[in-house]
Amino acid sequence: MTLHAHHTIQCIHDPLLVVLSYIVSVLGSYTALQLAIGIPAARTLTERWRAITWSGMAMGGGAIWAMHFIAMLACRMDVEVSYDLTVTVMSALIGMVSCMAGLALAGLGVFSWYKLGVAGTIMGLGVAGMHYSGMAAMIMKADTVYAPSLVLLSVAIAIAASMAALWLAFNMRGRWQMVGSALVMGVAVCGMHYTGMAAASFVPNDLPVEHAGISGSYLGMGIFAVTTILLAVVLSTSIIRQRQRQQVRI
């Protein structure tokens, strides 16, 4: 790595996309926390799994994957970068499935710190897996070299953030508590991503690019717009349903 120290490609982050990545992470976290209320409140197994699925998709797909991809596109380099569609979709699925697994495990029976630790570790490793598989989706004339200490730090942040997310999902109920939790979760998720990015160095190579992937500077804005609309729809539907349930109980 030292041989190439002077030849690494610099990544300069686009401030607008960095801000958008944080906003989408907060919105995704808030939506996931709102939907997670339905897990302990579920009366049937179907209701419970529906709440786990939707909450996991909001957390894994919105708060984590959409944030990650927008932040990836925020990284401007002097080399053309595109993304392998199959690997990108796989990274999104890893994020969502690991969040669903964490929520399902943490929500089983009585709460315990041991269960939170196991669920948070599974979810955190999944989040880190999503990040590094997302990085592997990059198609460019450069090799990615990682600093092991920063990779380990990013994985530790992912596990800690996942434990925090799961604890908040089952313990926070007030609206402002949830807003505060979502703002903190946004910092944790972004912290994991940008630590993972700091772990990477991009060394130019002369190998031919095998195939073209998805690219474009407007992709980040597009993902932000689509994700925000989807999360807003899911969030409003969830709030309306909760109010209807409360009225039925009254």
Foldseek 3Di string as FASTA:
>chain_A
DVVCVVFWWAWDFQVVLLVLLLVQLLLLLLLLLLLLVQQLVPPDPVSNLVSLQRSLLSNLVGNALLSLVSRVLRTDTPWDKFFAPVLSVVLSVLSSVLSSQLSVQCSPDDHDPVSLLVSLLSNLVSSLVSNVSRVVRIFTQWDKDFDVVLSVVLSVLSSVLSSLSNVSSPPPDDSVSSSVSSSVSSCSSSVSSVSRVVRIIIHGHDDDGPDGHHDDSCVSVVSSVVSSVVSVVSSVVSVVVVVVVVVVVD
